[in-house]
Amino acid sequence: HLQDSITQVKNIAHLQKNKIFLIQFNRFMWEDVEKGVFRKNKRIISVLKFENVINVNSKNLNQKNTERFLDFLAIETKLLSDKSYEIILHFAGNKLIKINSEVIDCFLDDQGEPWETKNTPTHDIFDE
């Protein structure tokens, strides 16, 4: 549901004392498009929340540029040898956010009402 979502650095928060990581997205509603030809493209504000977070790191992400837009691609998870989990959020441009968590405790919550958009996200297909 989150592929092709957009966020800004200012919409990312790690609440260390509460062991919570939050990120607010402008999410393309793929699930609505898949319902049929006559559906309109829509976006909605969504919040992704991880609980039981041990720590958070990033790669290739300038946290001082809070207005920077990030294009979300995928989530990857790994079980580590100490039985904790590594959750990697992949963004375009090889930007990553790595979350270490005691367990995978994740929620996606849509906020407010969706709105129509004319654009459908597309991906270039190329040979390597």
N, C-alpha and C. Protein backbone atom coordinates (compact mmCIF):
# COMPACT_ATOMS: atom_id res chain seq x y z
N HIS A 1 0.80 -1.21 0.00
CA HIS A 1 0.00 0.00 0.00
C HIS A 1 0.84 1.27 0.00
N LEU A 2 2.08 1.19 0.40
CA LEU A 2 2.90 2.40 0.52
C LEU A 2 3.79 2.69 -0.68
N GLN A 3 3.92 1.74 -1.61
CA GLN A 3 4.78 2.01 -2.76
C GLN A 3 4.32 3.27 -3.46
N ASP A 4 5.27 4.12 -3.82
CA ASP A 4 5.04 5.40 -4.50
C ASP A 4 4.45 6.47 -3.59
N SER A 5 4.48 6.25 -2.30
CA SER A 5 4.08 7.30 -1.37
C SER A 5 5.18 8.36 -1.32
N ILE A 6 4.81 9.55 -0.93
CA ILE A 6 5.76 10.67 -0.85
C ILE A 6 5.72 11.21 0.57
N THR A 7 6.90 11.59 1.07
CA THR A 7 6.98 12.24 2.37
C THR A 7 8.06 13.31 2.31
N GLN A 8 8.18 14.07 3.37
CA GLN A 8 9.26 15.02 3.54
C GLN A 8 10.00 14.67 4.82
N VAL A 9 11.27 15.05 4.89
CA VAL A 9 12.08 14.75 6.07
C VAL A 9 11.40 15.29 7.33
N LYS A 10 10.74 16.44 7.24
CA LYS A 10 10.07 17.03 8.41
C LYS A 10 8.91 16.18 8.92
N ASN A 11 8.46 15.20 8.14
CA ASN A 11 7.34 14.34 8.53
C ASN A 11 7.79 13.01 9.10
N ILE A 12 9.05 12.95 9.55
CA ILE A 12 9.62 11.74 10.12
C ILE A 12 10.02 12.03 11.56
N ALA A 13 9.64 11.15 12.49
CA ALA A 13 9.96 11.38 13.90
C ALA A 13 10.31 10.08 14.60
N HIS A 14 11.38 10.14 15.40
CA HIS A 14 11.75 9.01 16.27
C HIS A 14 11.58 9.48 17.70
N LEU A 15 10.59 8.94 18.39
CA LEU A 15 10.31 9.28 19.78
C LEU A 15 11.03 8.25 20.65
N GLN A 16 12.30 8.52 20.93
CA GLN A 16 13.17 7.54 21.59
C GLN A 16 12.63 7.07 22.93
N LYS A 17 12.19 7.98 23.77
CA LYS A 17 11.70 7.60 25.10
C LYS A 17 10.50 6.66 25.03
N ASN A 18 9.67 6.86 24.00
CA ASN A 18 8.47 6.04 23.84
C ASN A 18 8.71 4.81 22.96
N LYS A 19 9.91 4.70 22.41
CA LYS A 19 10.27 3.59 21.50
C LYS A 19 9.34 3.53 20.29
N ILE A 20 9.06 4.71 19.72
CA ILE A 20 8.14 4.81 18.59
C ILE A 20 8.83 5.54 17.43
N PHE A 21 8.58 5.07 16.22
CA PHE A 21 9.03 5.73 15.00
C PHE A 21 7.80 6.01 14.16
N LEU A 22 7.66 7.26 13.70
CA LEU A 22 6.50 7.69 12.91
C LEU A 22 6.95 8.31 11.60
N ILE A 23 6.19 8.07 10.57
CA ILE A 23 6.42 8.74 9.30
C ILE A 23 5.07 8.99 8.63
N GLN A 24 4.85 10.25 8.23
CA GLN A 24 3.59 10.62 7.56
C GLN A 24 3.82 10.64 6.06
N PHE A 25 2.94 9.98 5.33
CA PHE A 25 3.04 9.89 3.88
C PHE A 25 1.84 10.54 3.19
N ASN A 26 2.06 10.98 1.97
CA ASN A 26 1.02 11.29 1.00
C ASN A 26 0.96 10.04 0.15
N ARG A 27 -0.03 9.17 0.41
CA ARG A 27 -0.06 7.81 -0.13
C ARG A 27 -0.97 7.69 -1.34
N PHE A 28 -0.45 7.10 -2.42
CA PHE A 28 -1.28 6.77 -3.57
C PHE A 28 -2.09 5.53 -3.22
N MET A 29 -3.39 5.57 -3.45
CA MET A 29 -4.28 4.48 -3.02
C MET A 29 -4.36 3.38 -4.10
N TRP A 30 -3.30 2.57 -4.15
CA TRP A 30 -3.26 1.48 -5.13
C TRP A 30 -4.44 0.53 -4.96
N GLU A 31 -4.85 0.30 -3.73
CA GLU A 31 -5.94 -0.64 -3.48
C GLU A 31 -7.24 -0.18 -4.11
N ASP A 32 -7.43 1.13 -4.27
CA ASP A 32 -8.63 1.66 -4.89
C ASP A 32 -8.58 1.49 -6.40
N VAL A 33 -7.42 1.74 -6.99
CA VAL A 33 -7.24 1.59 -8.44
C VAL A 33 -7.48 0.15 -8.86
N GLU A 34 -7.05 -0.80 -8.03
CA GLU A 34 -7.17 -2.22 -8.37
C GLU A 34 -8.62 -2.71 -8.35
N LYS A 35 -9.54 -1.91 -7.84
CA LYS A 35 -10.94 -2.34 -7.76
C LYS A 35 -11.66 -2.26 -9.11
N GLY A 36 -11.11 -1.52 -10.07
CA GLY A 36 -11.78 -1.49 -11.37
C GLY A 36 -11.40 -0.32 -12.24
N VAL A 37 -11.77 -0.44 -13.49
CA VAL A 37 -11.43 0.53 -14.52
C VAL A 37 -12.06 1.89 -14.25
N PHE A 38 -13.21 1.93 -13.66
CA PHE A 38 -13.92 3.19 -13.50
C PHE A 38 -13.57 3.94 -12.22
N ARG A 39 -12.61 3.42 -11.46
CA ARG A 39 -12.17 4.09 -10.24
C ARG A 39 -11.25 5.25 -10.59
N LYS A 40 -11.32 6.29 -9.82
CA LYS A 40 -10.44 7.45 -10.02
C LYS A 40 -9.20 7.29 -9.15
N ASN A 41 -8.10 7.85 -9.62
CA ASN A 41 -6.86 7.84 -8.84
C ASN A 41 -7.04 8.73 -7.62
N LYS A 42 -6.59 8.23 -6.46
CA LYS A 42 -6.73 9.00 -5.23
C LYS A 42 -5.45 8.92 -4.40
N ARG A 43 -5.26 9.93 -3.57
CA ARG A 43 -4.19 9.96 -2.57
C ARG A 43 -4.83 10.27 -1.23
N ILE A 44 -4.11 9.89 -0.16
CA ILE A 44 -4.60 10.14 1.20
C ILE A 44 -3.38 10.31 2.11
N ILE A 45 -3.54 11.09 3.16
CA ILE A 45 -2.49 11.21 4.17
C ILE A 45 -2.55 9.96 5.05
N SER A 46 -1.40 9.31 5.24
CA SER A 46 -1.32 8.10 6.05
C SER A 46 -0.13 8.20 6.99
N VAL A 47 -0.27 7.61 8.16
CA VAL A 47 0.82 7.58 9.13
C VAL A 47 1.25 6.13 9.35
N LEU A 48 2.55 5.89 9.18
CA LEU A 48 3.15 4.59 9.44
C LEU A 48 3.82 4.66 10.80
N LYS A 49 3.46 3.73 11.69
CA LYS A 49 3.96 3.76 13.07
C LYS A 49 4.61 2.42 13.41
N PHE A 50 5.84 2.50 13.92
CA PHE A 50 6.53 1.32 14.45
C PHE A 50 6.66 1.49 15.95
N GLU A 51 6.37 0.44 16.70
CA GLU A 51 6.54 0.45 18.15
C GLU A 51 7.66 -0.50 18.55
N ASN A 52 8.12 -0.39 19.80
CA ASN A 52 9.20 -1.22 20.33
C ASN A 52 10.51 -1.02 19.58
N VAL A 53 10.78 0.22 19.19
CA VAL A 53 11.96 0.56 18.40
C VAL A 53 13.17 0.73 19.33
N ILE A 54 14.26 0.06 18.98
CA ILE A 54 15.50 0.16 19.75
C ILE A 54 16.32 1.35 19.28
N ASN A 55 16.54 1.46 17.96
CA ASN A 55 17.24 2.63 17.41
C ASN A 55 16.91 2.80 15.93
N VAL A 56 17.28 3.98 15.40
CA VAL A 56 17.00 4.33 14.01
C VAL A 56 18.25 4.97 13.41
N ASN A 57 18.60 4.56 12.21
CA ASN A 57 19.72 5.15 11.47
C ASN A 57 19.28 5.43 10.05
N SER A 58 20.02 6.30 9.37
CA SER A 58 19.70 6.58 7.97
C SER A 58 20.97 6.55 7.13
N LYS A 59 20.78 6.41 5.82
CA LYS A 59 21.88 6.41 4.87
C LYS A 59 21.49 7.31 3.71
N ASN A 60 22.40 8.21 3.32
CA ASN A 60 22.21 9.12 2.19
C ASN A 60 21.02 10.06 2.39
N LEU A 61 20.70 10.37 3.63
CA LEU A 61 19.55 11.22 3.94
C LEU A 61 20.01 12.43 4.76
N ASN A 62 19.92 13.61 4.17
CA ASN A 62 20.30 14.84 4.84
C ASN A 62 19.13 15.27 5.73
N GLN A 63 19.27 15.04 7.03
CA GLN A 63 18.18 15.35 7.96
C GLN A 63 18.00 16.85 8.19
N LYS A 64 18.98 17.65 7.82
CA LYS A 64 18.86 19.11 7.98
C LYS A 64 18.00 19.72 6.89
N ASN A 65 17.86 19.04 5.75
CA ASN A 65 17.03 19.53 4.65
C ASN A 65 15.62 19.00 4.86
N THR A 66 14.90 19.62 5.79
CA THR A 66 13.59 19.11 6.22
C THR A 66 12.51 19.22 5.14
N GLU A 67 12.70 20.07 4.13
CA GLU A 67 11.70 20.23 3.07
C GLU A 67 11.89 19.22 1.94
N ARG A 68 12.97 18.46 1.98
CA ARG A 68 13.31 17.49 0.94
C ARG A 68 12.21 16.43 0.81
N PHE A 69 11.79 16.17 -0.43
CA PHE A 69 10.81 15.12 -0.68
C PHE A 69 11.50 13.78 -0.84
N LEU A 70 10.86 12.74 -0.34
CA LEU A 70 11.36 11.37 -0.43
C LEU A 70 10.29 10.50 -1.08
N ASP A 71 10.69 9.73 -2.08
CA ASP A 71 9.78 8.82 -2.77
C ASP A 71 9.98 7.41 -2.22
N PHE A 72 8.94 6.87 -1.61
CA PHE A 72 9.02 5.57 -0.96
C PHE A 72 8.93 4.44 -1.98
N LEU A 73 9.79 3.42 -1.78
CA LEU A 73 9.80 2.27 -2.69
C LEU A 73 9.35 0.98 -2.03
N ALA A 74 9.97 0.61 -0.89
CA ALA A 74 9.70 -0.71 -0.32
C ALA A 74 10.16 -0.82 1.13
N ILE A 75 9.70 -1.88 1.79
CA ILE A 75 10.13 -2.24 3.15
C ILE A 75 10.79 -3.61 3.09
N GLU A 76 11.93 -3.72 3.75
CA GLU A 76 12.65 -4.99 3.84
C GLU A 76 12.85 -5.31 5.31
N THR A 77 12.68 -6.58 5.69
CA THR A 77 12.88 -6.96 7.09
C THR A 77 13.85 -8.13 7.19
N LYS A 78 14.60 -8.14 8.31
CA LYS A 78 15.54 -9.23 8.58
C LYS A 78 15.48 -9.57 10.06
N LEU A 79 15.51 -10.85 10.38
CA LEU A 79 15.65 -11.31 11.75
C LEU A 79 17.14 -11.38 12.05
N LEU A 80 17.58 -10.69 13.10
CA LEU A 80 19.00 -10.65 13.45
C LEU A 80 19.34 -11.77 14.43
N SER A 81 20.63 -12.01 14.61
CA SER A 81 21.08 -13.12 15.46
C SER A 81 20.65 -12.96 16.92
N ASP A 82 20.45 -11.70 17.37
CA ASP A 82 20.01 -11.48 18.75
C ASP A 82 18.48 -11.53 18.90
N LYS A 83 17.80 -11.99 17.84
CA LYS A 83 16.33 -12.15 17.80
C LYS A 83 15.58 -10.82 17.72
N SER A 84 16.31 -9.72 17.48
CA SER A 84 15.65 -8.45 17.18
C SER A 84 15.48 -8.38 15.66
N TYR A 85 14.85 -7.32 15.18
CA TYR A 85 14.56 -7.20 13.76
C TYR A 85 15.18 -5.92 13.20
N GLU A 86 15.62 -6.02 11.96
CA GLU A 86 16.08 -4.86 11.20
C GLU A 86 15.02 -4.60 10.14
N ILE A 87 14.48 -3.40 10.13
CA ILE A 87 13.46 -3.00 9.17
C ILE A 87 14.06 -1.87 8.35
N ILE A 88 14.17 -2.07 7.04
CA ILE A 88 14.78 -1.06 6.18
C ILE A 88 13.70 -0.46 5.29
N LEU A 89 13.56 0.86 5.37
CA LEU A 89 12.65 1.60 4.51
C LEU A 89 13.47 2.13 3.34
N HIS A 90 13.14 1.72 2.13
CA HIS A 90 13.87 2.11 0.92
C HIS A 90 13.16 3.27 0.23
N PHE A 91 13.96 4.28 -0.11
CA PHE A 91 13.47 5.45 -0.85
C PHE A 91 14.28 5.59 -2.13
N ALA A 92 13.74 6.29 -3.12
CA ALA A 92 14.46 6.53 -4.37
C ALA A 92 15.77 7.24 -4.07
N GLY A 93 16.75 7.06 -4.94
CA GLY A 93 18.05 7.70 -4.76
C GLY A 93 18.92 6.99 -3.75
N ASN A 94 18.66 5.71 -3.50
CA ASN A 94 19.43 4.92 -2.53
C ASN A 94 19.42 5.52 -1.13
N LYS A 95 18.32 6.14 -0.77
CA LYS A 95 18.15 6.67 0.59
C LYS A 95 17.47 5.59 1.43
N LEU A 96 17.99 5.38 2.64
CA LEU A 96 17.48 4.33 3.51
C LEU A 96 17.24 4.85 4.92
N ILE A 97 16.24 4.29 5.56
CA ILE A 97 16.07 4.45 7.00
C ILE A 97 16.04 3.04 7.58
N LYS A 98 16.95 2.78 8.53
CA LYS A 98 17.06 1.46 9.13
C LYS A 98 16.56 1.54 10.57
N ILE A 99 15.57 0.72 10.88
CA ILE A 99 14.95 0.67 12.20
C ILE A 99 15.31 -0.67 12.83
N ASN A 100 15.84 -0.64 14.03
CA ASN A 100 16.04 -1.87 14.80
C ASN A 100 14.94 -1.93 15.84
N SER A 101 14.29 -3.09 15.92
CA SER A 101 13.11 -3.22 16.76
C SER A 101 13.11 -4.56 17.49
N GLU A 102 12.53 -4.55 18.69
CA GLU A 102 12.41 -5.78 19.48
C GLU A 102 11.52 -6.80 18.78
N VAL A 103 10.44 -6.32 18.19
CA VAL A 103 9.49 -7.13 17.42
C VAL A 103 9.00 -6.26 16.27
N ILE A 104 8.36 -6.88 15.29
CA ILE A 104 7.75 -6.08 14.22
C ILE A 104 6.34 -5.74 14.65
N ASP A 105 6.17 -4.51 15.06
CA ASP A 105 4.90 -4.00 15.56
C ASP A 105 4.61 -2.73 14.77
N CYS A 106 3.83 -2.87 13.70
CA CYS A 106 3.69 -1.81 12.70
C CYS A 106 2.21 -1.56 12.39
N PHE A 107 1.88 -0.27 12.23
CA PHE A 107 0.50 0.11 11.92
C PHE A 107 0.51 1.16 10.81
N LEU A 108 -0.47 1.09 9.92
CA LEU A 108 -0.68 2.10 8.89
C LEU A 108 -2.08 2.65 9.08
N ASP A 109 -2.17 3.96 9.30
CA ASP A 109 -3.46 4.59 9.60
C ASP A 109 -3.71 5.73 8.63
N ASP A 110 -4.81 5.64 7.86
CA ASP A 110 -5.20 6.73 6.97
C ASP A 110 -5.84 7.84 7.78
N GLN A 111 -5.50 9.08 7.42
CA GLN A 111 -5.98 10.26 8.14
C GLN A 111 -6.84 11.11 7.21
N GLY A 112 -8.05 11.43 7.62
CA GLY A 112 -8.90 12.32 6.82
C GLY A 112 -9.47 11.64 5.59
N GLU A 113 -9.83 12.47 4.62
CA GLU A 113 -10.49 11.98 3.41
C GLU A 113 -9.51 11.97 2.23
N PRO A 114 -9.63 10.99 1.33
CA PRO A 114 -8.78 10.97 0.13
C PRO A 114 -9.19 12.07 -0.84
N TRP A 115 -8.28 12.41 -1.74
CA TRP A 115 -8.57 13.38 -2.79
C TRP A 115 -8.15 12.79 -4.13
N GLU A 116 -8.80 13.26 -5.19
CA GLU A 116 -8.50 12.76 -6.53
C GLU A 116 -7.20 13.37 -7.04
N THR A 117 -6.48 12.56 -7.81
CA THR A 117 -5.25 13.02 -8.46
C THR A 117 -5.28 12.54 -9.91
N LYS A 118 -4.74 13.34 -10.80
CA LYS A 118 -4.74 12.97 -12.22
C LYS A 118 -3.61 12.00 -12.54
N ASN A 119 -2.56 12.02 -11.74
CA ASN A 119 -1.37 11.24 -12.06
C ASN A 119 -1.35 9.88 -11.38
N THR A 120 -0.97 8.88 -12.16
CA THR A 120 -0.72 7.55 -11.62
C THR A 120 0.78 7.35 -11.61
N PRO A 121 1.36 6.92 -10.50
CA PRO A 121 2.81 6.70 -10.47
C PRO A 121 3.22 5.68 -11.54
N THR A 122 4.35 5.95 -12.20
CA THR A 122 4.89 5.03 -13.20
C THR A 122 6.35 4.73 -12.85
N HIS A 123 6.83 3.64 -13.39
CA HIS A 123 8.21 3.23 -13.16
C HIS A 123 8.87 2.92 -14.49
N ASP A 124 10.07 3.45 -14.68
CA ASP A 124 10.84 3.13 -15.88
C ASP A 124 11.38 1.71 -15.78
N ILE A 125 11.23 0.97 -16.84
CA ILE A 125 11.76 -0.38 -16.88
C ILE A 125 12.98 -0.34 -17.80
N PHE A 126 14.08 -0.84 -17.31
CA PHE A 126 15.31 -0.80 -18.10
C PHE A 126 16.09 -2.09 -17.89
N ASP A 127 16.95 -2.37 -18.84
CA ASP A 127 17.80 -3.57 -18.77
C ASP A 127 19.13 -3.19 -18.16
N GLU A 128 19.67 -4.06 -17.32
CA GLU A 128 20.99 -3.83 -16.74
C GLU A 128 21.93 -4.88 -17.25
